[in-house]
Amino acid sequence: MNAQTRNKSLRILFHRGVSLSVLWAQGETSRQFSEMRQDEEASRKAFQALAHNTVSECPCGCGLKSDICEAHAERVRQANYELPF
């Protein structure tokens, strides 16, 4: 859907008496999906960095350079163990 089609649809809804809260909810839903996609992209990039050993600093914030600390590695192992299959 392009911007013109979206705006036309919103205008039609507004003229038919659809509450503005419905229009707000539609925008909020779009914003949340966009935020979710950005978070997934950031986590995917972080995972790729770990997989290719291109870590510039430990993700837990301990300050360890070019590696991950054992505490962070243990948290990752524990999270992987808790995944339901």
N, C-alpha and C. Protein backbone atom coordinates (compact mmCIF):
# COMPACT_ATOMS: atom_id res chain seq x y z
N MET A 1 0.86 -1.16 0.00
CA MET A 1 0.00 0.00 0.00
C MET A 1 0.91 1.23 0.00
N ASN A 2 0.65 2.16 -0.91
CA ASN A 2 1.44 3.38 -0.92
C ASN A 2 0.76 4.45 -0.07
N ALA A 3 1.42 5.57 0.08
CA ALA A 3 0.93 6.63 0.96
C ALA A 3 -0.41 7.20 0.48
N GLN A 4 -0.58 7.35 -0.82
CA GLN A 4 -1.84 7.91 -1.33
C GLN A 4 -3.01 6.99 -1.02
N THR A 5 -2.82 5.70 -1.21
CA THR A 5 -3.89 4.74 -0.93
C THR A 5 -4.22 4.73 0.57
N ARG A 6 -3.18 4.77 1.40
CA ARG A 6 -3.40 4.77 2.85
C ARG A 6 -4.15 6.02 3.28
N ASN A 7 -3.74 7.18 2.79
CA ASN A 7 -4.40 8.43 3.16
C ASN A 7 -5.85 8.45 2.69
N LYS A 8 -6.10 7.92 1.50
CA LYS A 8 -7.47 7.86 0.99
C LYS A 8 -8.33 6.97 1.89
N SER A 9 -7.79 5.84 2.29
CA SER A 9 -8.53 4.93 3.16
C SER A 9 -8.84 5.58 4.51
N LEU A 10 -7.86 6.28 5.07
CA LEU A 10 -8.08 6.95 6.35
C LEU A 10 -9.12 8.06 6.21
N ARG A 11 -9.09 8.79 5.12
CA ARG A 11 -10.06 9.86 4.89
C ARG A 11 -11.47 9.28 4.79
N ILE A 12 -11.60 8.16 4.07
CA ILE A 12 -12.91 7.52 3.94
C ILE A 12 -13.42 7.06 5.30
N LEU A 13 -12.54 6.46 6.09
CA LEU A 13 -12.95 6.03 7.43
C LEU A 13 -13.39 7.22 8.27
N PHE A 14 -12.66 8.32 8.19
CA PHE A 14 -13.00 9.50 8.99
C PHE A 14 -14.35 10.05 8.57
N HIS A 15 -14.63 10.12 7.27
CA HIS A 15 -15.91 10.66 6.80
C HIS A 15 -17.07 9.73 7.11
N ARG A 16 -16.81 8.47 7.28
CA ARG A 16 -17.89 7.53 7.63
C ARG A 16 -18.17 7.53 9.13
N GLY A 17 -17.43 8.31 9.90
CA GLY A 17 -17.70 8.45 11.32
C GLY A 17 -16.93 7.49 12.20
N VAL A 18 -15.91 6.86 11.65
CA VAL A 18 -15.09 5.96 12.46
C VAL A 18 -14.33 6.80 13.47
N SER A 19 -14.31 6.36 14.69
CA SER A 19 -13.66 7.10 15.77
C SER A 19 -12.18 7.30 15.49
N LEU A 20 -11.67 8.45 15.89
CA LEU A 20 -10.25 8.73 15.71
C LEU A 20 -9.39 7.78 16.54
N SER A 21 -9.96 7.22 17.60
CA SER A 21 -9.19 6.27 18.40
C SER A 21 -8.86 5.02 17.58
N VAL A 22 -9.74 4.65 16.65
CA VAL A 22 -9.46 3.51 15.77
C VAL A 22 -8.29 3.85 14.86
N LEU A 23 -8.30 5.07 14.32
CA LEU A 23 -7.20 5.51 13.47
C LEU A 23 -5.91 5.58 14.26
N TRP A 24 -5.97 6.04 15.51
CA TRP A 24 -4.78 6.10 16.36
C TRP A 24 -4.27 4.69 16.63
N ALA A 25 -5.18 3.75 16.89
CA ALA A 25 -4.79 2.37 17.17
C ALA A 25 -4.10 1.76 15.96
N GLN A 26 -4.56 2.09 14.77
CA GLN A 26 -3.93 1.58 13.55
C GLN A 26 -2.51 2.10 13.45
N GLY A 27 -2.31 3.38 13.73
CA GLY A 27 -0.97 3.96 13.69
C GLY A 27 -0.08 3.39 14.78
N GLU A 28 -0.65 3.17 15.96
CA GLU A 28 0.11 2.60 17.07
C GLU A 28 0.54 1.17 16.75
N THR A 29 -0.35 0.41 16.14
CA THR A 29 -0.01 -0.96 15.74
C THR A 29 1.14 -0.96 14.74
N SER A 30 1.07 -0.07 13.76
CA SER A 30 2.14 0.03 12.77
C SER A 30 3.46 0.39 13.45
N ARG A 31 3.40 1.32 14.40
CA ARG A 31 4.61 1.74 15.11
C ARG A 31 5.20 0.57 15.90
N GLN A 32 4.34 -0.22 16.56
CA GLN A 32 4.83 -1.34 17.34
C GLN A 32 5.46 -2.41 16.45
N PHE A 33 4.85 -2.68 15.30
CA PHE A 33 5.44 -3.66 14.38
C PHE A 33 6.79 -3.17 13.86
N SER A 34 6.86 -1.89 13.55
CA SER A 34 8.12 -1.33 13.07
C SER A 34 9.20 -1.42 14.16
N GLU A 35 8.84 -1.13 15.40
CA GLU A 35 9.78 -1.24 16.51
C GLU A 35 10.22 -2.69 16.71
N MET A 36 9.29 -3.63 16.57
CA MET A 36 9.62 -5.04 16.71
C MET A 36 10.60 -5.48 15.63
N ARG A 37 10.37 -5.04 14.39
CA ARG A 37 11.30 -5.37 13.30
C ARG A 37 12.68 -4.80 13.55
N GLN A 38 12.77 -3.58 14.09
CA GLN A 38 14.06 -2.98 14.40
C GLN A 38 14.78 -3.76 15.49
N ASP A 39 14.04 -4.18 16.53
CA ASP A 39 14.64 -4.98 17.61
C ASP A 39 15.14 -6.31 17.08
N GLU A 40 14.35 -6.96 16.23
CA GLU A 40 14.77 -8.24 15.66
C GLU A 40 16.02 -8.08 14.80
N GLU A 41 16.09 -6.98 14.05
CA GLU A 41 17.26 -6.72 13.21
C GLU A 41 18.50 -6.49 14.08
N ALA A 42 18.34 -5.74 15.17
CA ALA A 42 19.47 -5.49 16.06
C ALA A 42 19.94 -6.79 16.72
N SER A 43 19.02 -7.63 17.15
CA SER A 43 19.42 -8.89 17.79
C SER A 43 20.06 -9.83 16.77
N ARG A 44 19.57 -9.80 15.52
CA ARG A 44 20.16 -10.63 14.47
C ARG A 44 21.60 -10.19 14.19
N LYS A 45 21.81 -8.89 14.13
CA LYS A 45 23.16 -8.37 13.90
C LYS A 45 24.09 -8.73 15.07
N ALA A 46 23.58 -8.64 16.30
CA ALA A 46 24.39 -9.00 17.47
C ALA A 46 24.74 -10.48 17.43
N PHE A 47 23.79 -11.33 17.05
CA PHE A 47 24.05 -12.76 16.97
C PHE A 47 25.09 -13.06 15.90
N GLN A 48 24.98 -12.39 14.74
CA GLN A 48 25.95 -12.59 13.68
C GLN A 48 27.35 -12.17 14.12
N ALA A 49 27.42 -11.08 14.88
CA ALA A 49 28.71 -10.62 15.37
C ALA A 49 29.32 -11.67 16.30
N LEU A 50 28.49 -12.27 17.15
CA LEU A 50 28.99 -13.32 18.06
C LEU A 50 29.40 -14.56 17.27
N ALA A 51 28.62 -14.89 16.25
CA ALA A 51 28.91 -16.10 15.47
C ALA A 51 30.20 -15.96 14.67
N HIS A 52 30.53 -14.75 14.28
CA HIS A 52 31.72 -14.54 13.46
C HIS A 52 32.89 -14.00 14.28
N ASN A 53 32.77 -14.03 15.59
CA ASN A 53 33.83 -13.57 16.50
C ASN A 53 34.30 -12.16 16.18
N THR A 54 33.37 -11.29 15.87
CA THR A 54 33.71 -9.89 15.63
C THR A 54 33.19 -9.01 16.77
N VAL A 55 33.22 -9.53 17.97
CA VAL A 55 32.73 -8.80 19.13
C VAL A 55 33.75 -7.73 19.50
N SER A 56 33.28 -6.49 19.59
CA SER A 56 34.19 -5.42 19.97
C SER A 56 34.20 -5.24 21.48
N GLU A 57 33.09 -5.61 22.13
CA GLU A 57 33.00 -5.48 23.58
C GLU A 57 31.94 -6.45 24.09
N CYS A 58 32.10 -6.92 25.31
CA CYS A 58 31.14 -7.86 25.89
C CYS A 58 29.75 -7.21 25.98
N PRO A 59 28.69 -7.90 25.54
CA PRO A 59 27.34 -7.33 25.54
C PRO A 59 26.79 -7.03 26.93
N CYS A 60 27.34 -7.67 27.97
CA CYS A 60 26.79 -7.43 29.31
C CYS A 60 27.25 -6.09 29.89
N GLY A 61 28.24 -5.47 29.27
CA GLY A 61 28.69 -4.16 29.74
C GLY A 61 29.80 -4.21 30.76
N CYS A 62 30.47 -5.35 30.91
CA CYS A 62 31.54 -5.46 31.90
C CYS A 62 32.82 -4.77 31.45
N GLY A 63 32.91 -4.44 30.15
CA GLY A 63 34.07 -3.73 29.64
C GLY A 63 35.12 -4.61 29.00
N LEU A 64 34.91 -5.91 28.95
CA LEU A 64 35.86 -6.82 28.33
C LEU A 64 35.89 -6.57 26.83
N LYS A 65 37.07 -6.37 26.28
CA LYS A 65 37.21 -6.05 24.86
C LYS A 65 37.47 -7.31 24.04
N SER A 66 36.92 -7.36 22.84
CA SER A 66 37.14 -8.41 21.84
C SER A 66 36.76 -9.81 22.30
N ASP A 67 35.87 -9.94 23.27
CA ASP A 67 35.45 -11.25 23.76
C ASP A 67 34.19 -11.08 24.60
N ILE A 68 33.61 -12.20 25.04
CA ILE A 68 32.51 -12.15 26.00
C ILE A 68 32.98 -12.82 27.28
N CYS A 69 32.49 -12.30 28.41
CA CYS A 69 32.91 -12.83 29.70
C CYS A 69 32.20 -14.16 29.98
N GLU A 70 32.71 -14.89 30.93
CA GLU A 70 32.13 -16.19 31.28
C GLU A 70 30.73 -16.04 31.87
N ALA A 71 30.48 -14.96 32.60
CA ALA A 71 29.15 -14.75 33.18
C ALA A 71 28.11 -14.56 32.07
N HIS A 72 28.46 -13.80 31.04
CA HIS A 72 27.53 -13.60 29.93
C HIS A 72 27.33 -14.90 29.16
N ALA A 73 28.39 -15.64 28.93
CA ALA A 73 28.29 -16.92 28.23
C ALA A 73 27.39 -17.88 29.01
N GLU A 74 27.50 -17.86 30.34
CA GLU A 74 26.65 -18.73 31.16
C GLU A 74 25.19 -18.33 31.06
N ARG A 75 24.91 -17.01 31.04
CA ARG A 75 23.52 -16.55 30.88
C ARG A 75 22.96 -16.99 29.53
N VAL A 76 23.77 -16.94 28.49
CA VAL A 76 23.33 -17.38 27.16
C VAL A 76 23.06 -18.88 27.17
N ARG A 77 23.95 -19.65 27.79
CA ARG A 77 23.73 -21.11 27.87
C ARG A 77 22.47 -21.42 28.64
N GLN A 78 22.22 -20.71 29.74
CA GLN A 78 21.02 -20.94 30.55
C GLN A 78 19.76 -20.58 29.75
N ALA A 79 19.80 -19.46 29.02
CA ALA A 79 18.64 -19.07 28.21
C ALA A 79 18.38 -20.10 27.11
N ASN A 80 19.43 -20.62 26.50
CA ASN A 80 19.27 -21.65 25.46
C ASN A 80 18.71 -22.94 26.06
N TYR A 81 19.12 -23.27 27.27
CA TYR A 81 18.64 -24.48 27.94
C TYR A 81 17.14 -24.37 28.24
N GLU A 82 16.68 -23.14 28.58
CA GLU A 82 15.28 -22.94 28.96
C GLU A 82 14.34 -22.85 27.78
N LEU A 83 14.85 -22.80 26.55
CA LEU A 83 13.98 -22.73 25.38
C LEU A 83 13.16 -24.00 25.24
N PRO A 84 11.84 -23.86 25.10
CA PRO A 84 11.01 -25.05 24.93
C PRO A 84 11.10 -25.57 23.49
N PHE A 85 11.15 -26.88 23.36
CA PHE A 85 11.17 -27.49 22.03
C PHE A 85 10.01 -28.43 21.87
